[in-house]
Amino acid sequence: MKNHILNKLRTKHNYTEEYVARKMNMSQSAYSRLESGKTELSLERMEELERIYNMPVSEILEEYKNEKR
């Protein structure tokens, strides 16, 4: 997943990196590495994002596809 999608989702919901990181039970620096692409986004983490944003993984992936165009 392109990393700017994570940033776009987070800012769209007016969340801070620290808030999302806390919801994902990780440090802010670990979450920052996800956004920057230094760490791969696992399926488990995708499911956590689904819960945080109340958005199916399929919609998150659709945003990713749209960004690639």
PDB file of N, CA and C in Angstrom:
ATOM      1  N   MET A   1       0.843  -1.172   0.000  1.00  0.00           N
ATOM      2  CA  MET A   1       0.000   0.000   0.000  1.00  0.00           C
ATOM      3  C   MET A   1       0.890   1.237   0.000  1.00  0.00           C
ATOM      4  N   LYS A   2       0.534   2.202  -0.818  1.00  0.00           N
ATOM      5  CA  LYS A   2       1.286   3.449  -0.814  1.00  0.00           C
ATOM      6  C   LYS A   2       1.037   4.152   0.505  1.00  0.00           C
ATOM      7  N   ASN A   3       2.095   4.688   1.026  1.00  0.00           N
ATOM      8  CA  ASN A   3       2.059   5.229   2.369  1.00  0.00           C
ATOM      9  C   ASN A   3       1.217   6.487   2.505  1.00  0.00           C
ATOM     10  N   HIS A   4       1.111   7.269   1.435  1.00  0.00           N
ATOM     11  CA  HIS A   4       0.323   8.488   1.564  1.00  0.00           C
ATOM     12  C   HIS A   4      -1.156   8.192   1.777  1.00  0.00           C
ATOM     13  N   ILE A   5      -1.601   6.983   1.475  1.00  0.00           N
ATOM     14  CA  ILE A   5      -2.988   6.604   1.743  1.00  0.00           C
ATOM     15  C   ILE A   5      -3.218   6.579   3.247  1.00  0.00           C
ATOM     16  N   LEU A   6      -2.272   6.038   4.002  1.00  0.00           N
ATOM     17  CA  LEU A   6      -2.411   6.014   5.459  1.00  0.00           C
ATOM     18  C   LEU A   6      -2.473   7.432   6.005  1.00  0.00           C
ATOM     19  N   ASN A   7      -1.625   8.296   5.477  1.00  0.00           N
ATOM     20  CA  ASN A   7      -1.632   9.691   5.911  1.00  0.00           C
ATOM     21  C   ASN A   7      -2.947  10.358   5.520  1.00  0.00           C
ATOM     22  N   LYS A   8      -3.416  10.091   4.321  1.00  0.00           N
ATOM     23  CA  LYS A   8      -4.665  10.694   3.836  1.00  0.00           C
ATOM     24  C   LYS A   8      -5.841  10.265   4.710  1.00  0.00           C
ATOM     25  N   LEU A   9      -5.927   8.983   5.020  1.00  0.00           N
ATOM     26  CA  LEU A   9      -7.010   8.495   5.885  1.00  0.00           C
ATOM     27  C   LEU A   9      -6.939   9.149   7.263  1.00  0.00           C
ATOM     28  N   ARG A  10      -5.747   9.202   7.804  1.00  0.00           N
ATOM     29  CA  ARG A  10      -5.560   9.755   9.147  1.00  0.00           C
ATOM     30  C   ARG A  10      -5.952  11.226   9.186  1.00  0.00           C
ATOM     31  N   THR A  11      -5.473  12.004   8.235  1.00  0.00           N
ATOM     32  CA  THR A  11      -5.781  13.437   8.242  1.00  0.00           C
ATOM     33  C   THR A  11      -7.245  13.694   7.885  1.00  0.00           C
ATOM     34  N   LYS A  12      -7.814  12.867   7.038  1.00  0.00           N
ATOM     35  CA  LYS A  12      -9.237  12.996   6.682  1.00  0.00           C
ATOM     36  C   LYS A  12     -10.115  12.876   7.926  1.00  0.00           C
ATOM     37  N   HIS A  13      -9.680  12.051   8.868  1.00  0.00           N
ATOM     38  CA  HIS A  13     -10.434  11.840  10.105  1.00  0.00           C
ATOM     39  C   HIS A  13      -9.940  12.746  11.247  1.00  0.00           C
ATOM     40  N   ASN A  14      -9.023  13.633  10.928  1.00  0.00           N
ATOM     41  CA  ASN A  14      -8.457  14.544  11.930  1.00  0.00           C
ATOM     42  C   ASN A  14      -7.814  13.807  13.099  1.00  0.00           C
ATOM     43  N   TYR A  15      -7.142  12.699  12.801  1.00  0.00           N
ATOM     44  CA  TYR A  15      -6.444  11.923  13.820  1.00  0.00           C
ATOM     45  C   TYR A  15      -4.956  12.261  13.766  1.00  0.00           C
ATOM     46  N   THR A  16      -4.322  12.188  14.912  1.00  0.00           N
ATOM     47  CA  THR A  16      -2.869  12.340  14.962  1.00  0.00           C
ATOM     48  C   THR A  16      -2.228  10.969  14.814  1.00  0.00           C
ATOM     49  N   GLU A  17      -0.955  10.966  14.481  1.00  0.00           N
ATOM     50  CA  GLU A  17      -0.213   9.697  14.433  1.00  0.00           C
ATOM     51  C   GLU A  17      -0.276   9.014  15.791  1.00  0.00           C
ATOM     52  N   GLU A  18      -0.145   9.792  16.845  1.00  0.00           N
ATOM     53  CA  GLU A  18      -0.162   9.230  18.191  1.00  0.00           C
ATOM     54  C   GLU A  18      -1.496   8.553  18.501  1.00  0.00           C
ATOM     55  N   TYR A  19      -2.599   9.181  18.090  1.00  0.00           N
ATOM     56  CA  TYR A  19      -3.923   8.600  18.332  1.00  0.00           C
ATOM     57  C   TYR A  19      -4.073   7.260  17.614  1.00  0.00           C
ATOM     58  N   VAL A  20      -3.741   7.230  16.330  1.00  0.00           N
ATOM     59  CA  VAL A  20      -3.875   5.990  15.552  1.00  0.00           C
ATOM     60  C   VAL A  20      -2.935   4.923  16.110  1.00  0.00           C
ATOM     61  N   ALA A  21      -1.730   5.320  16.449  1.00  0.00           N
ATOM     62  CA  ALA A  21      -0.764   4.376  17.011  1.00  0.00           C
ATOM     63  C   ALA A  21      -1.309   3.753  18.291  1.00  0.00           C
ATOM     64  N   ARG A  22      -1.869   4.576  19.149  1.00  0.00           N
ATOM     65  CA  ARG A  22      -2.424   4.071  20.408  1.00  0.00           C
ATOM     66  C   ARG A  22      -3.554   3.083  20.139  1.00  0.00           C
ATOM     67  N   LYS A  23      -4.430   3.386  19.181  1.00  0.00           N
ATOM     68  CA  LYS A  23      -5.528   2.494  18.817  1.00  0.00           C
ATOM     69  C   LYS A  23      -5.012   1.175  18.253  1.00  0.00           C
ATOM     70  N   MET A  24      -3.819   1.217  17.632  1.00  0.00           N
ATOM     71  CA  MET A  24      -3.231   0.011  17.046  1.00  0.00           C
ATOM     72  C   MET A  24      -2.274  -0.688  18.016  1.00  0.00           C
ATOM     73  N   ASN A  25      -2.226  -0.194  19.251  1.00  0.00           N
ATOM     74  CA  ASN A  25      -1.350  -0.764  20.277  1.00  0.00           C
ATOM     75  C   ASN A  25       0.109  -0.796  19.836  1.00  0.00           C
ATOM     76  N   MET A  26       0.565   0.336  19.321  1.00  0.00           N
ATOM     77  CA  MET A  26       1.960   0.459  18.899  1.00  0.00           C
ATOM     78  C   MET A  26       2.447   1.860  19.249  1.00  0.00           C
ATOM     79  N   SER A  27       3.737   2.046  19.196  1.00  0.00           N
ATOM     80  CA  SER A  27       4.286   3.366  19.479  1.00  0.00           C
ATOM     81  C   SER A  27       4.033   4.300  18.289  1.00  0.00           C
ATOM     82  N   GLN A  28       4.117   5.592  18.573  1.00  0.00           N
ATOM     83  CA  GLN A  28       3.941   6.574  17.501  1.00  0.00           C
ATOM     84  C   GLN A  28       5.038   6.414  16.468  1.00  0.00           C
ATOM     85  N   SER A  29       6.254   6.110  16.904  1.00  0.00           N
ATOM     86  CA  SER A  29       7.356   5.954  15.953  1.00  0.00           C
ATOM     87  C   SER A  29       7.144   4.722  15.070  1.00  0.00           C
ATOM     88  N   ALA A  30       6.576   3.649  15.629  1.00  0.00           N
ATOM     89  CA  ALA A  30       6.283   2.458  14.823  1.00  0.00           C
ATOM     90  C   ALA A  30       5.206   2.773  13.785  1.00  0.00           C
ATOM     91  N   TYR A  31       4.193   3.540  14.189  1.00  0.00           N
ATOM     92  CA  TYR A  31       3.151   3.919  13.235  1.00  0.00           C
ATOM     93  C   TYR A  31       3.732   4.825  12.151  1.00  0.00           C
ATOM     94  N   SER A  32       4.591   5.725  12.547  1.00  0.00           N
ATOM     95  CA  SER A  32       5.227   6.618  11.586  1.00  0.00           C
ATOM     96  C   SER A  32       5.993   5.825  10.531  1.00  0.00           C
ATOM     97  N   ARG A  33       6.626   4.737  10.939  1.00  0.00           N
ATOM     98  CA  ARG A  33       7.339   3.883   9.983  1.00  0.00           C
ATOM     99  C   ARG A  33       6.368   3.225   8.997  1.00  0.00           C
ATOM    100  N   LEU A  34       5.137   2.925   9.447  1.00  0.00           N
ATOM    101  CA  LEU A  34       4.129   2.406   8.518  1.00  0.00           C
ATOM    102  C   LEU A  34       3.782   3.465   7.477  1.00  0.00           C
ATOM    103  N   GLU A  35       3.533   4.684   7.941  1.00  0.00           N
ATOM    104  CA  GLU A  35       3.171   5.764   7.020  1.00  0.00           C
ATOM    105  C   GLU A  35       4.292   6.099   6.056  1.00  0.00           C
ATOM    106  N   SER A  36       5.519   5.984   6.523  1.00  0.00           N
ATOM    107  CA  SER A  36       6.651   6.351   5.673  1.00  0.00           C
ATOM    108  C   SER A  36       7.087   5.210   4.761  1.00  0.00           C
ATOM    109  N   GLY A  37       6.536   4.014   4.976  1.00  0.00           N
ATOM    110  CA  GLY A  37       6.875   2.881   4.132  1.00  0.00           C
ATOM    111  C   GLY A  37       8.100   2.115   4.598  1.00  0.00           C
ATOM    112  N   LYS A  38       8.627   2.470   5.740  1.00  0.00           N
ATOM    113  CA  LYS A  38       9.791   1.755   6.256  1.00  0.00           C
ATOM    114  C   LYS A  38       9.409   0.396   6.832  1.00  0.00           C
ATOM    115  N   THR A  39       8.119   0.236   7.141  1.00  0.00           N
ATOM    116  CA  THR A  39       7.581  -1.027   7.650  1.00  0.00           C
ATOM    117  C   THR A  39       6.408  -1.443   6.777  1.00  0.00           C
ATOM    118  N   GLU A  40       6.360  -2.727   6.436  1.00  0.00           N
ATOM    119  CA  GLU A  40       5.256  -3.260   5.644  1.00  0.00           C
ATOM    120  C   GLU A  40       3.966  -3.289   6.463  1.00  0.00           C
ATOM    121  N   LEU A  41       2.857  -3.063   5.809  1.00  0.00           N
ATOM    122  CA  LEU A  41       1.552  -3.114   6.449  1.00  0.00           C
ATOM    123  C   LEU A  41       1.009  -4.533   6.343  1.00  0.00           C
ATOM    124  N   SER A  42       0.853  -5.191   7.483  1.00  0.00           N
ATOM    125  CA  SER A  42       0.367  -6.569   7.507  1.00  0.00           C
ATOM    126  C   SER A  42      -1.154  -6.607   7.423  1.00  0.00           C
ATOM    127  N   LEU A  43      -1.678  -7.783   7.154  1.00  0.00           N
ATOM    128  CA  LEU A  43      -3.127  -7.967   7.119  1.00  0.00           C
ATOM    129  C   LEU A  43      -3.736  -7.648   8.484  1.00  0.00           C
ATOM    130  N   GLU A  44      -3.055  -8.047   9.549  1.00  0.00           N
ATOM    131  CA  GLU A  44      -3.556  -7.735  10.895  1.00  0.00           C
ATOM    132  C   GLU A  44      -3.668  -6.237  11.103  1.00  0.00           C
ATOM    133  N   ARG A  45      -2.666  -5.508  10.641  1.00  0.00           N
ATOM    134  CA  ARG A  45      -2.688  -4.050  10.774  1.00  0.00           C
ATOM    135  C   ARG A  45      -3.788  -3.449   9.904  1.00  0.00           C
ATOM    136  N   MET A  46      -4.009  -4.015   8.729  1.00  0.00           N
ATOM    137  CA  MET A  46      -5.108  -3.555   7.864  1.00  0.00           C
ATOM    138  C   MET A  46      -6.442  -3.724   8.582  1.00  0.00           C
ATOM    139  N   GLU A  47      -6.610  -4.857   9.261  1.00  0.00           N
ATOM    140  CA  GLU A  47      -7.849  -5.102  10.005  1.00  0.00           C
ATOM    141  C   GLU A  47      -8.010  -4.099  11.141  1.00  0.00           C
ATOM    142  N   GLU A  48      -6.912  -3.706  11.762  1.00  0.00           N
ATOM    143  CA  GLU A  48      -6.972  -2.693  12.809  1.00  0.00           C
ATOM    144  C   GLU A  48      -7.391  -1.346  12.219  1.00  0.00           C
ATOM    145  N   LEU A  49      -6.859  -1.024  11.050  1.00  0.00           N
ATOM    146  CA  LEU A  49      -7.251   0.222  10.384  1.00  0.00           C
ATOM    147  C   LEU A  49      -8.733   0.193  10.023  1.00  0.00           C
ATOM    148  N   GLU A  50      -9.196  -0.957   9.602  1.00  0.00           N
ATOM    149  CA  GLU A  50     -10.612  -1.132   9.277  1.00  0.00           C
ATOM    150  C   GLU A  50     -11.475  -0.760  10.490  1.00  0.00           C
ATOM    151  N   ARG A  51     -11.065  -1.236  11.648  1.00  0.00           N
ATOM    152  CA  ARG A  51     -11.806  -0.964  12.885  1.00  0.00           C
ATOM    153  C   ARG A  51     -11.707   0.517  13.261  1.00  0.00           C
ATOM    154  N   ILE A  52     -10.521   1.088  13.182  1.00  0.00           N
ATOM    155  CA  ILE A  52     -10.310   2.483  13.577  1.00  0.00           C
ATOM    156  C   ILE A  52     -11.111   3.440  12.703  1.00  0.00           C
ATOM    157  N   TYR A  53     -11.081   3.206  11.399  1.00  0.00           N
ATOM    158  CA  TYR A  53     -11.746   4.122  10.469  1.00  0.00           C
ATOM    159  C   TYR A  53     -13.176   3.699  10.134  1.00  0.00           C
ATOM    160  N   ASN A  54     -13.613   2.573  10.720  1.00  0.00           N
ATOM    161  CA  ASN A  54     -14.957   2.063  10.453  1.00  0.00           C
ATOM    162  C   ASN A  54     -15.199   1.997   8.941  1.00  0.00           C
ATOM    163  N   MET A  55     -14.243   1.367   8.287  1.00  0.00           N
ATOM    164  CA  MET A  55     -14.207   1.324   6.828  1.00  0.00           C
ATOM    165  C   MET A  55     -13.681  -0.043   6.415  1.00  0.00           C
ATOM    166  N   PRO A  56     -14.397  -0.768   5.571  1.00  0.00           N
ATOM    167  CA  PRO A  56     -13.905  -2.084   5.152  1.00  0.00           C
ATOM    168  C   PRO A  56     -12.542  -1.997   4.463  1.00  0.00           C
ATOM    169  N   VAL A  57     -11.758  -3.030   4.647  1.00  0.00           N
ATOM    170  CA  VAL A  57     -10.442  -3.099   4.004  1.00  0.00           C
ATOM    171  C   VAL A  57     -10.596  -2.895   2.501  1.00  0.00           C
ATOM    172  N   SER A  58     -11.670  -3.423   1.931  1.00  0.00           N
ATOM    173  CA  SER A  58     -11.877  -3.276   0.482  1.00  0.00           C
ATOM    174  C   SER A  58     -11.955  -1.803   0.077  1.00  0.00           C
ATOM    175  N   GLU A  59     -12.564  -0.954   0.912  1.00  0.00           N
ATOM    176  CA  GLU A  59     -12.629   0.482   0.601  1.00  0.00           C
ATOM    177  C   GLU A  59     -11.262   1.139   0.740  1.00  0.00           C
ATOM    178  N   ILE A  60     -10.509   0.703   1.743  1.00  0.00           N
ATOM    179  CA  ILE A  60      -9.151   1.238   1.913  1.00  0.00           C
ATOM    180  C   ILE A  60      -8.315   0.882   0.685  1.00  0.00           C
ATOM    181  N   LEU A  61      -8.437  -0.360   0.243  1.00  0.00           N
ATOM    182  CA  LEU A  61      -7.695  -0.793  -0.939  1.00  0.00           C
ATOM    183  C   LEU A  61      -8.175  -0.072  -2.195  1.00  0.00           C
ATOM    184  N   GLU A  62      -9.457   0.232  -2.270  1.00  0.00           N
ATOM    185  CA  GLU A  62      -9.997   0.968  -3.417  1.00  0.00           C
ATOM    186  C   GLU A  62      -9.396   2.380  -3.468  1.00  0.00           C
ATOM    187  N   GLU A  63      -9.246   3.003  -2.307  1.00  0.00           N
ATOM    188  CA  GLU A  63      -8.582   4.321  -2.275  1.00  0.00           C
ATOM    189  C   GLU A  63      -7.163   4.204  -2.786  1.00  0.00           C
ATOM    190  N   TYR A  64      -6.496   3.129  -2.420  1.00  0.00           N
ATOM    191  CA  TYR A  64      -5.134   2.881  -2.893  1.00  0.00           C
ATOM    192  C   TYR A  64      -5.109   2.769  -4.415  1.00  0.00           C
ATOM    193  N   LYS A  65      -6.047   1.986  -4.969  1.00  0.00           N
ATOM    194  CA  LYS A  65      -6.122   1.834  -6.424  1.00  0.00           C
ATOM    195  C   LYS A  65      -6.352   3.165  -7.101  1.00  0.00           C
ATOM    196  N   ASN A  66      -7.268   3.959  -6.560  1.00  0.00           N
ATOM    197  CA  ASN A  66      -7.577   5.263  -7.152  1.00  0.00           C
ATOM    198  C   ASN A  66      -6.368   6.196  -7.126  1.00  0.00           C
ATOM    199  N   GLU A  67      -5.561   6.102  -6.093  1.00  0.00           N
ATOM    200  CA  GLU A  67      -4.363   6.930  -5.995  1.00  0.00           C
ATOM    201  C   GLU A  67      -3.330   6.546  -7.060  1.00  0.00           C
ATOM    202  N   LYS A  68      -3.304   5.281  -7.442  1.00  0.00           N
ATOM    203  CA  LYS A  68      -2.320   4.815  -8.431  1.00  0.00           C
ATOM    204  C   LYS A  68      -2.627   5.322  -9.830  1.00  0.00           C
ATOM    205  N   ARG A  69      -3.860   5.706 -10.074  1.00  0.00           N
ATOM    206  CA  ARG A  69      -4.260   6.146 -11.428  1.00  0.00           C
ATOM    207  C   ARG A  69      -3.746   7.510 -11.771  1.00  0.00           C
TER     208      ARG A  69
END
